[in-house]
Structure formats: C-alpha cells, structure tokens
Protein backbone atom coordinates (compact mmCIF):
# COMPACT_ATOMS: atom_id res chain seq x y z
CA MET A 1 0.09 -0.07 -0.08
CA PHE A 2 3.02 2.54 0.69
CA PHE A 3 4.39 1.36 -2.47
CA LEU A 4 1.40 2.38 -4.25
CA ALA A 5 1.15 6.25 -2.40
CA VAL A 6 4.56 6.83 -3.16
CA PHE A 7 4.68 5.65 -7.15
CA GLY A 8 0.86 7.54 -7.01
CA GLN A 9 2.24 10.52 -6.09
CA ALA A 10 5.55 10.21 -7.90
CA ALA A 11 3.25 9.72 -11.08
CA LEU A 12 0.72 13.01 -10.37
CA SER A 13 4.17 14.86 -9.75
CA GLY A 14 5.38 13.94 -12.73
CA THR A 15 2.50 15.01 -14.55
CA ALA A 16 2.63 18.71 -13.16
CA TYR A 17 6.19 19.21 -13.86
CA ALA A 18 4.91 17.70 -17.40
CA ALA A 19 2.70 20.16 -17.41
CA LYS A 20 4.39 22.70 -16.23
CA ASP A 21 7.25 21.91 -18.82
CA SER A 22 4.81 22.36 -21.66
CA ALA A 23 4.19 25.57 -20.45
CA ALA A 24 6.97 26.92 -20.21
CA ALA A 25 8.14 25.12 -23.90
CA GLN A 26 5.06 27.09 -25.40
CA ALA A 27 6.41 30.71 -23.76
CA ASN A 28 9.96 29.82 -25.14
CA SER A 29 8.35 29.31 -28.26
CA ALA A 30 6.61 32.57 -28.44
CA THR A 31 8.32 35.74 -30.73
CA VAL A 32 8.51 39.46 -29.69
CA PRO A 33 6.60 41.81 -32.40
CA THR A 34 9.56 43.79 -33.93
CA PRO A 35 9.31 47.57 -32.76
CA TYR A 36 7.87 48.51 -36.56
CA GLU A 37 5.01 45.98 -35.44
CA LEU A 38 4.22 47.37 -32.26
CA GLN A 39 4.32 50.86 -33.79
CA LEU A 40 1.84 49.72 -35.85
CA MET A 41 -0.28 48.53 -33.28
CA TYR A 42 -0.64 52.14 -31.53
CA ALA A 43 0.67 54.52 -33.78
CA GLY A 44 -2.61 57.34 -34.34
CA ARG A 45 -4.75 55.31 -32.34
CA THR A 46 -7.19 56.12 -29.81
CA TRP A 47 -7.30 53.59 -26.60
CA VAL A 48 -10.28 53.32 -24.94
CA TRP A 49 -11.29 52.56 -21.46
CA LYS A 50 -14.19 52.63 -19.19
CA ASN A 51 -13.78 55.92 -17.79
CA GLY A 52 -11.19 57.76 -20.35
CA ALA A 53 -8.72 56.98 -23.28
CA ALA A 54 -5.25 57.41 -24.50
CA TYR A 55 -3.66 58.87 -27.67
CA PHE A 56 -0.21 57.41 -29.30
CA ALA A 57 0.47 60.22 -31.64
CA GLN A 58 2.52 59.20 -35.05
CA GLY A 59 5.51 60.21 -35.50
CA ASP A 60 6.51 62.61 -32.06
CA ARG A 61 5.32 59.86 -30.14
CA HIS A 62 3.56 62.29 -27.77
CA LEU A 63 0.73 60.58 -25.74
CA LYS A 64 -2.38 62.64 -23.73
CA ALA A 65 -4.81 60.77 -21.31
CA TRP A 66 -7.78 61.48 -19.83
CA THR A 67 -9.84 59.88 -17.37
CA SER A 68 -13.01 61.06 -15.77
CA GLY A 69 -15.21 59.79 -13.27
CA GLN A 70 -18.17 61.37 -10.41
CA ASP A 71 -16.82 65.00 -9.98
CA THR A 72 -13.32 63.93 -10.93
CA ALA A 73 -10.57 64.70 -13.99
CA SER A 74 -7.79 63.40 -14.50
CA VAL A 75 -5.49 64.33 -17.53
CA ALA A 76 -1.34 63.48 -18.58
CA GLU A 77 0.69 64.17 -21.01
CA GLY A 78 4.36 62.32 -21.97
CA ARG A 79 5.61 60.15 -24.24
CA TRP A 80 5.17 56.43 -25.67
CA LEU A 81 7.78 54.27 -26.96
CA VAL A 82 8.88 50.80 -28.26
CA THR A 83 11.68 48.90 -27.85
CA SER A 84 13.20 45.95 -29.89
CA GLY A 85 12.25 43.43 -27.13
CA GLY A 86 8.61 44.02 -27.52
CA LYS A 87 7.75 46.48 -24.85
CA MET A 88 5.52 49.28 -25.27
CA CYS A 89 5.86 51.98 -22.95
CA MET A 90 4.12 55.24 -21.72
CA GLU A 91 5.85 58.34 -19.81
CA LEU A 92 3.16 60.09 -18.28
CA ALA A 93 2.71 62.44 -15.36
CA TRP A 94 -0.66 62.35 -14.33
CA ARG A 95 -2.25 65.30 -12.49
CA SER A 96 -5.88 66.61 -11.11
CA LYS A 97 -7.08 69.35 -9.38
CA SER A 98 -6.07 68.21 -5.98
CA TYR A 99 -2.66 65.67 -7.26
CA ALA A 100 0.84 67.18 -9.68
CA GLY A 101 1.81 63.95 -10.19
CA LYS A 102 5.79 63.03 -11.38
CA GLN A 103 6.43 61.26 -14.83
CA HIS A 104 6.26 57.70 -14.46
CA ARG A 105 6.57 54.69 -17.20
CA THR A 106 4.50 52.30 -17.04
CA CYS A 107 5.40 49.41 -19.79
CA TYR A 108 3.39 46.28 -21.56
CA SER A 109 4.87 43.33 -22.84
CA HIS A 110 3.95 41.51 -26.28
CA ARG A 111 4.34 38.00 -27.28
CA ILE A 112 3.40 36.37 -30.37
CA GLN A 113 2.47 33.03 -30.18
CA GLY A 114 0.49 30.81 -33.20
CA GLY A 115 -0.03 34.11 -34.73
CA ASN A 116 -2.31 35.67 -31.88
CA VAL A 117 -0.48 38.49 -29.79
CA GLU A 118 -0.51 38.63 -26.02
CA LYS A 119 0.16 41.26 -23.75
CA ARG A 120 0.93 41.47 -20.12
CA LYS A 121 1.87 44.50 -18.01
CA ASP A 122 5.47 44.92 -16.64
CA PRO A 123 6.98 43.49 -14.44
CA ASP A 124 4.61 40.66 -13.16
CA GLY A 125 0.93 41.05 -14.71
CA GLU A 126 -0.88 38.21 -16.58
CA TRP A 127 -0.23 37.60 -20.19
CA TYR A 128 -3.55 37.94 -22.18
CA SER A 129 -4.73 38.09 -25.90
CA PHE A 130 -4.30 41.73 -27.10
CA LYS A 131 -4.81 40.72 -30.67
CA ARG A 132 -5.47 37.23 -32.12
CA SER A 133 -5.96 36.37 -35.84
CA PRO A 134 -8.48 36.59 -37.23
CA GLU A 135 -9.57 39.22 -34.65
CA GLY A 136 -11.54 38.43 -31.90
CA ILE A 137 -14.62 40.21 -30.73
CA SER A 138 -12.87 40.36 -27.01
CA ASP A 139 -9.71 41.25 -28.25
CA GLU A 140 -7.87 44.19 -26.22
CA HIS A 141 -6.84 45.55 -29.32
CA ARG A 142 -10.90 46.21 -30.81
CA LYS A 143 -10.89 48.80 -27.85
CA PHE A 144 -8.13 50.94 -29.98
CA GLU A 145 -9.89 53.92 -32.31
CA THR A 146 -8.05 55.15 -35.66
CA GLY A 147 -7.21 58.55 -34.97
CA ASP A 148 -8.02 61.21 -32.06
CA THR A 149 -11.02 60.09 -31.41
CA LYS A 150 -11.38 61.52 -27.92
CA GLY A 151 -9.55 64.58 -28.17
CA ALA A 152 -12.67 66.57 -27.34
CA GLN A 153 -12.74 64.65 -24.32
CA PHE A 154 -9.40 65.31 -23.06
CA GLU A 155 -10.08 68.77 -23.71
CA GLU A 156 -12.88 69.03 -21.45
CA ALA A 157 -10.78 66.85 -18.65
CA ARG A 158 -8.04 69.80 -19.05
CA LYS A 159 -10.46 72.79 -18.76
CA LEU A 160 -11.71 71.12 -15.41
CA VAL A 161 -8.09 70.14 -13.98
CA ASP A 162 -6.80 73.52 -15.09
CA SER A 163 -9.68 75.40 -13.55
CA LYS A 164 -9.58 77.81 -10.88
CA ASN A 165 -12.73 77.03 -8.97
C-alpha cells in the first residue's frame, strides 16, 4: 500500500512537471513583435477605457490621456515608445485638481504565439489575448480606434483640471 501511495504521488508529480514544462516550452516558442509591428498597433490610435482614453500620436510619439469619474477628472501628457524586446512603454505625469504627479513609466510586454499577440503589464502581470488572428470579438485591440477620437473629451478634462474653482 505504501508503495502504491508513493508511486501514485510520484506519477502525479511527474504529470505536474510535464504540464509545467509544456507551458514553459510554449512560452519559449513565442516571439516578440518588432518595434515596427508594435508601432503599427499603437501609432495614431486612441485606446478607449471605461472612464477615459489615451491617444498615441504618430511621429513625435506624444501621448495624452484622461480619465473622468463622478466629480473627478485627471489628465496626463507625456510620450510613448517601443523597444526591440517587444515592449510598449508610456511615460506620463498624471494630474488632477488636487494632485500633480511626477513622470512615471508603465510598460507592457508583447509576445506572438501561433499568430496571436498576447500582452501583459510589466513586470509581472498576467498574459492575456491582445490581438488574435483572425480578430476576436473580445480582443483588447478592438478598444483601439483609428485617430484621436477622444481629443474633445481630453480638452474638457484638461479644462476641469486647470480651472481655478
């Protein structure tokens, strides 16, 4: 009986290690998008959030963002960049009527597996589907609109933040 218990536990451990090795092998088979590919995903687009948005300008890589909730508004301006390691980083300083923050860098890693792009917030966020091929209805990339589609809302939020009342 003892032998069966030890053997069974070893077999289950082996299965767990095999699954872990398979996931690691799958992650190792991923490639990272080139800076050009990342630029195509972000440049000239507005990333729409539940209570705000961010616009990734082309050329000068200017970035502007805003959020607005019940009686609150925040705006941020800065820049965005892409790296050869598959990262897109945003360098923004958020401010509101009661808060003026320092420039802060937030990066997202990207990887390509089986033609699908996955993304995670660095340093240790969970990987999630960003853009599938063919595009899926739940893809995060569908929240990106071509052009500066929320520029008027950004200006409204900026006026609220900068008002002297």
